[in-house]
């Protein structure tokens, strides 16, 4: 019989709504090692992506 673990999708932290689908990318090995070593990597990645998007668009998201 197959085990079911319920809903294992990411849950929002705080009040900010998350997109319906995650974005997935392959990273260079050295960067992958660093990001995976972070205790809060999902939050760190969201902040890094937001910072880059704000810098690229020069507007608030």
PDB file of N, CA and C in Angstrom:
ATOM      1  N   UNK A   1       0.842  -1.181   0.000  1.00  0.00           N
ATOM      2  CA  UNK A   1       0.000   0.000   0.000  1.00  0.00           C
ATOM      3  C   UNK A   1       0.887   1.244   0.000  1.00  0.00           C
ATOM      4  N   UNK A   2       0.506   2.228  -0.762  1.00  0.00           N
ATOM      5  CA  UNK A   2       1.259   3.465  -0.868  1.00  0.00           C
ATOM      6  C   UNK A   2       0.974   4.360   0.326  1.00  0.00           C
ATOM      7  N   UNK A   3       2.056   4.885   0.905  1.00  0.00           N
ATOM      8  CA  UNK A   3       1.889   5.825   2.010  1.00  0.00           C
ATOM      9  C   UNK A   3       1.524   7.197   1.474  1.00  0.00           C
ATOM     10  N   UNK A   4       0.648   7.868   2.154  1.00  0.00           N
ATOM     11  CA  UNK A   4       0.345   9.256   1.803  1.00  0.00           C
ATOM     12  C   UNK A   4       0.777  10.139   2.961  1.00  0.00           C
ATOM     13  N   UNK A   5       1.404  11.235   2.610  1.00  0.00           N
ATOM     14  CA  UNK A   5       1.900  12.154   3.632  1.00  0.00           C
ATOM     15  C   UNK A   5       1.109  13.452   3.666  1.00  0.00           C
ATOM     16  N   UNK A   6      -0.018  13.474   3.011  1.00  0.00           N
ATOM     17  CA  UNK A   6      -0.808  14.693   3.002  1.00  0.00           C
ATOM     18  C   UNK A   6      -0.220  15.741   2.086  1.00  0.00           C
ATOM     19  N   UNK A   7      -0.580  16.960   2.316  1.00  0.00           N
ATOM     20  CA  UNK A   7      -0.134  18.080   1.491  1.00  0.00           C
ATOM     21  C   UNK A   7       1.280  18.470   1.904  1.00  0.00           C
ATOM     22  N   UNK A   8       2.256  18.238   1.020  1.00  0.00           N
ATOM     23  CA  UNK A   8       3.653  18.536   1.342  1.00  0.00           C
ATOM     24  C   UNK A   8       4.158  19.786   0.645  1.00  0.00           C
ATOM     25  N   UNK A   9       3.261  20.534  -0.009  1.00  0.00           N
ATOM     26  CA  UNK A   9       3.686  21.760  -0.687  1.00  0.00           C
ATOM     27  C   UNK A   9       4.150  22.793   0.322  1.00  0.00           C
ATOM     28  N   UNK A  10       4.973  23.746  -0.189  1.00  0.00           N
ATOM     29  CA  UNK A  10       5.457  24.826   0.668  1.00  0.00           C
ATOM     30  C   UNK A  10       4.289  25.632   1.209  1.00  0.00           C
ATOM     31  N   UNK A  11       4.409  26.028   2.428  1.00  0.00           N
ATOM     32  CA  UNK A  11       3.403  26.876   3.065  1.00  0.00           C
ATOM     33  C   UNK A  11       3.970  28.288   3.166  1.00  0.00           C
ATOM     34  N   UNK A  12       3.123  29.302   2.972  1.00  0.00           N
ATOM     35  CA  UNK A  12       3.615  30.669   3.084  1.00  0.00           C
ATOM     36  C   UNK A  12       4.074  30.974   4.508  1.00  0.00           C
ATOM     37  N   UNK A  13       5.146  31.749   4.586  1.00  0.00           N
ATOM     38  CA  UNK A  13       5.624  32.231   5.878  1.00  0.00           C
ATOM     39  C   UNK A  13       5.261  33.703   5.926  1.00  0.00           C
ATOM     40  N   UNK A  14       4.487  34.085   6.911  1.00  0.00           N
ATOM     41  CA  UNK A  14       4.021  35.462   6.978  1.00  0.00           C
ATOM     42  C   UNK A  14       2.741  35.622   6.175  1.00  0.00           C
ATOM     43  N   UNK A  15       2.472  36.859   5.747  1.00  0.00           N
ATOM     44  CA  UNK A  15       1.214  37.162   5.069  1.00  0.00           C
ATOM     45  C   UNK A  15       1.313  37.199   3.557  1.00  0.00           C
ATOM     46  N   UNK A  16       2.517  37.054   3.010  1.00  0.00           N
ATOM     47  CA  UNK A  16       2.690  37.169   1.564  1.00  0.00           C
ATOM     48  C   UNK A  16       2.213  35.895   0.865  1.00  0.00           C
ATOM     49  N   UNK A  17       1.304  36.052  -0.094  1.00  0.00           N
ATOM     50  CA  UNK A  17       0.787  34.905  -0.843  1.00  0.00           C
ATOM     51  C   UNK A  17       1.852  34.383  -1.801  1.00  0.00           C
ATOM     52  N   UNK A  18       1.889  33.057  -1.959  1.00  0.00           N
ATOM     53  CA  UNK A  18       2.844  32.436  -2.871  1.00  0.00           C
ATOM     54  C   UNK A  18       2.156  32.059  -4.175  1.00  0.00           C
ATOM     55  N   UNK A  19       2.938  31.976  -5.244  1.00  0.00           N
ATOM     56  CA  UNK A  19       2.422  31.568  -6.551  1.00  0.00           C
ATOM     57  C   UNK A  19       1.936  30.119  -6.480  1.00  0.00           C
ATOM     58  N   UNK A  20       1.086  29.753  -7.420  1.00  0.00           N
ATOM     59  CA  UNK A  20       0.542  28.399  -7.460  1.00  0.00           C
ATOM     60  C   UNK A  20       1.600  27.354  -7.806  1.00  0.00           C
ATOM     61  N   UNK A  21       2.563  27.723  -8.670  1.00  0.00           N
ATOM     62  CA  UNK A  21       3.589  26.774  -9.107  1.00  0.00           C
ATOM     63  C   UNK A  21       4.973  27.295  -8.728  1.00  0.00           C
ATOM     64  N   UNK A  22       5.863  26.407  -8.261  1.00  0.00           N
ATOM     65  CA  UNK A  22       7.229  26.835  -7.954  1.00  0.00           C
ATOM     66  C   UNK A  22       8.054  26.991  -9.225  1.00  0.00           C
ATOM     67  N   UNK A  23       9.108  27.787  -9.144  1.00  0.00           N
ATOM     68  CA  UNK A  23      10.082  27.917 -10.224  1.00  0.00           C
ATOM     69  C   UNK A  23      11.297  27.104  -9.805  1.00  0.00           C
ATOM     70  N   UNK A  24      11.797  26.300 -10.716  1.00  0.00           N
ATOM     71  CA  UNK A  24      12.930  25.435 -10.410  1.00  0.00           C
ATOM     72  C   UNK A  24      14.060  25.697 -11.393  1.00  0.00           C
ATOM     73  N   UNK A  25      15.280  25.811 -10.885  1.00  0.00           N
ATOM     74  CA  UNK A  25      16.449  26.037 -11.740  1.00  0.00           C
ATOM     75  C   UNK A  25      17.616  25.181 -11.252  1.00  0.00           C
ATOM     76  N   UNK A  26      18.500  24.840 -12.183  1.00  0.00           N
ATOM     77  CA  UNK A  26      19.765  24.208 -11.823  1.00  0.00           C
ATOM     78  C   UNK A  26      20.768  25.319 -11.561  1.00  0.00           C
ATOM     79  N   UNK A  27      21.563  25.174 -10.507  1.00  0.00           N
ATOM     80  CA  UNK A  27      22.582  26.158 -10.155  1.00  0.00           C
ATOM     81  C   UNK A  27      23.964  25.577 -10.421  1.00  0.00           C
ATOM     82  N   UNK A  28      24.959  26.453 -10.634  1.00  0.00           N
ATOM     83  CA  UNK A  28      26.330  25.955 -10.684  1.00  0.00           C
ATOM     84  C   UNK A  28      26.644  25.244  -9.361  1.00  0.00           C
ATOM     85  N   UNK A  29      27.493  24.224  -9.415  1.00  0.00           N
ATOM     86  CA  UNK A  29      27.740  23.389  -8.233  1.00  0.00           C
ATOM     87  C   UNK A  29      28.164  24.175  -7.001  1.00  0.00           C
ATOM     88  N   UNK A  30      29.076  25.139  -7.167  1.00  0.00           N
ATOM     89  CA  UNK A  30      29.540  25.881  -5.994  1.00  0.00           C
ATOM     90  C   UNK A  30      28.427  26.714  -5.368  1.00  0.00           C
ATOM     91  N   UNK A  31      27.574  27.300  -6.200  1.00  0.00           N
ATOM     92  CA  UNK A  31      26.447  28.077  -5.694  1.00  0.00           C
ATOM     93  C   UNK A  31      25.404  27.159  -5.059  1.00  0.00           C
ATOM     94  N   UNK A  32      25.179  25.996  -5.657  1.00  0.00           N
ATOM     95  CA  UNK A  32      24.241  25.015  -5.111  1.00  0.00           C
ATOM     96  C   UNK A  32      24.667  24.587  -3.704  1.00  0.00           C
ATOM     97  N   UNK A  33      25.949  24.321  -3.541  1.00  0.00           N
ATOM     98  CA  UNK A  33      26.463  23.917  -2.228  1.00  0.00           C
ATOM     99  C   UNK A  33      26.215  25.019  -1.200  1.00  0.00           C
ATOM    100  N   UNK A  34      26.485  26.263  -1.591  1.00  0.00           N
ATOM    101  CA  UNK A  34      26.270  27.381  -0.667  1.00  0.00           C
ATOM    102  C   UNK A  34      24.793  27.532  -0.290  1.00  0.00           C
ATOM    103  N   UNK A  35      23.923  27.557  -1.296  1.00  0.00           N
ATOM    104  CA  UNK A  35      22.493  27.774  -1.027  1.00  0.00           C
ATOM    105  C   UNK A  35      21.932  26.642  -0.172  1.00  0.00           C
ATOM    106  N   UNK A  36      22.306  25.412  -0.464  1.00  0.00           N
ATOM    107  CA  UNK A  36      21.807  24.278   0.326  1.00  0.00           C
ATOM    108  C   UNK A  36      22.333  24.292   1.758  1.00  0.00           C
ATOM    109  N   UNK A  37      23.428  24.999   2.005  1.00  0.00           N
ATOM    110  CA  UNK A  37      23.974  25.075   3.365  1.00  0.00           C
ATOM    111  C   UNK A  37      23.221  26.077   4.241  1.00  0.00           C
ATOM    112  N   UNK A  38      22.412  26.913   3.630  1.00  0.00           N
ATOM    113  CA  UNK A  38      21.687  27.934   4.385  1.00  0.00           C
ATOM    114  C   UNK A  38      20.539  27.310   5.168  1.00  0.00           C
ATOM    115  N   UNK A  39      20.335  27.724   6.417  1.00  0.00           N
ATOM    116  CA  UNK A  39      19.239  27.163   7.205  1.00  0.00           C
ATOM    117  C   UNK A  39      17.864  27.630   6.718  1.00  0.00           C
ATOM    118  N   UNK A  40      17.804  28.755   6.042  1.00  0.00           N
ATOM    119  CA  UNK A  40      16.530  29.325   5.579  1.00  0.00           C
ATOM    120  C   UNK A  40      16.601  29.577   4.073  1.00  0.00           C
ATOM    121  N   UNK A  41      17.011  28.553   3.303  1.00  0.00           N
ATOM    122  CA  UNK A  41      17.309  28.774   1.887  1.00  0.00           C
ATOM    123  C   UNK A  41      16.114  29.250   1.076  1.00  0.00           C
ATOM    124  N   UNK A  42      14.902  28.804   1.360  1.00  0.00           N
ATOM    125  CA  UNK A  42      13.744  29.268   0.589  1.00  0.00           C
ATOM    126  C   UNK A  42      13.533  30.767   0.793  1.00  0.00           C
ATOM    127  N   UNK A  43      13.615  31.218   2.029  1.00  0.00           N
ATOM    128  CA  UNK A  43      13.463  32.649   2.307  1.00  0.00           C
ATOM    129  C   UNK A  43      14.597  33.440   1.663  1.00  0.00           C
ATOM    130  N   UNK A  44      15.825  32.911   1.755  1.00  0.00           N
ATOM    131  CA  UNK A  44      16.989  33.581   1.169  1.00  0.00           C
ATOM    132  C   UNK A  44      16.832  33.699  -0.343  1.00  0.00           C
ATOM    133  N   UNK A  45      16.405  32.617  -0.990  1.00  0.00           N
ATOM    134  CA  UNK A  45      16.212  32.643  -2.443  1.00  0.00           C
ATOM    135  C   UNK A  45      15.123  33.634  -2.839  1.00  0.00           C
ATOM    136  N   UNK A  46      14.017  33.653  -2.100  1.00  0.00           N
ATOM    137  CA  UNK A  46      12.950  34.612  -2.415  1.00  0.00           C
ATOM    138  C   UNK A  46      13.467  36.046  -2.305  1.00  0.00           C
ATOM    139  N   UNK A  47      14.222  36.333  -1.245  1.00  0.00           N
ATOM    140  CA  UNK A  47      14.755  37.685  -1.052  1.00  0.00           C
ATOM    141  C   UNK A  47      15.762  38.038  -2.144  1.00  0.00           C
ATOM    142  N   UNK A  48      16.619  37.094  -2.524  1.00  0.00           N
ATOM    143  CA  UNK A  48      17.622  37.348  -3.567  1.00  0.00           C
ATOM    144  C   UNK A  48      16.958  37.596  -4.917  1.00  0.00           C
ATOM    145  N   UNK A  49      15.944  36.819  -5.237  1.00  0.00           N
ATOM    146  CA  UNK A  49      15.225  36.996  -6.504  1.00  0.00           C
ATOM    147  C   UNK A  49      14.481  38.323  -6.505  1.00  0.00           C
ATOM    148  N   UNK A  50      13.837  38.656  -5.385  1.00  0.00           N
ATOM    149  CA  UNK A  50      13.113  39.922  -5.300  1.00  0.00           C
ATOM    150  C   UNK A  50      14.063  41.102  -5.456  1.00  0.00           C
ATOM    151  N   UNK A  51      15.225  41.040  -4.790  1.00  0.00           N
ATOM    152  CA  UNK A  51      16.218  42.113  -4.893  1.00  0.00           C
ATOM    153  C   UNK A  51      16.687  42.285  -6.340  1.00  0.00           C
ATOM    154  N   UNK A  52      16.949  41.185  -7.031  1.00  0.00           N
ATOM    155  CA  UNK A  52      17.386  41.259  -8.430  1.00  0.00           C
ATOM    156  C   UNK A  52      16.276  41.813  -9.319  1.00  0.00           C
ATOM    157  N   UNK A  53      15.039  41.400  -9.078  1.00  0.00           N
ATOM    158  CA  UNK A  53      13.913  41.889  -9.878  1.00  0.00           C
ATOM    159  C   UNK A  53      13.708  43.387  -9.667  1.00  0.00           C
ATOM    160  N   UNK A  54      13.801  43.834  -8.424  1.00  0.00           N
ATOM    161  CA  UNK A  54      13.655  45.262  -8.139  1.00  0.00           C
ATOM    162  C   UNK A  54      14.757  46.061  -8.817  1.00  0.00           C
ATOM    163  N   UNK A  55      15.973  45.545  -8.772  1.00  0.00           N
ATOM    164  CA  UNK A  55      17.103  46.218  -9.410  1.00  0.00           C
ATOM    165  C   UNK A  55      16.907  46.274 -10.930  1.00  0.00           C
ATOM    166  N   UNK A  56      16.422  45.177 -11.520  1.00  0.00           N
ATOM    167  CA  UNK A  56      16.209  45.125 -12.970  1.00  0.00           C
ATOM    168  C   UNK A  56      15.059  46.015 -13.429  1.00  0.00           C
ATOM    169  N   UNK A  57      14.004  46.062 -12.657  1.00  0.00           N
ATOM    170  CA  UNK A  57      12.813  46.802 -13.079  1.00  0.00           C
ATOM    171  C   UNK A  57      12.764  48.222 -12.528  1.00  0.00           C
ATOM    172  N   UNK A  58      13.589  48.509 -11.516  1.00  0.00           N
ATOM    173  CA  UNK A  58      13.608  49.817 -10.860  1.00  0.00           C
ATOM    174  C   UNK A  58      12.223  50.249 -10.377  1.00  0.00           C
ATOM    175  N   UNK A  59      11.474  49.271  -9.882  1.00  0.00           N
ATOM    176  CA  UNK A  59      10.164  49.579  -9.311  1.00  0.00           C
ATOM    177  C   UNK A  59       9.873  48.590  -8.200  1.00  0.00           C
ATOM    178  N   UNK A  60       8.888  48.857  -7.399  1.00  0.00           N
ATOM    179  CA  UNK A  60       8.525  47.979  -6.297  1.00  0.00           C
ATOM    180  C   UNK A  60       7.620  46.855  -6.779  1.00  0.00           C
ATOM    181  N   UNK A  61       7.913  45.652  -6.322  1.00  0.00           N
ATOM    182  CA  UNK A  61       7.075  44.484  -6.649  1.00  0.00           C
ATOM    183  C   UNK A  61       6.277  44.119  -5.425  1.00  0.00           C
TER     184      UNK A  61
END
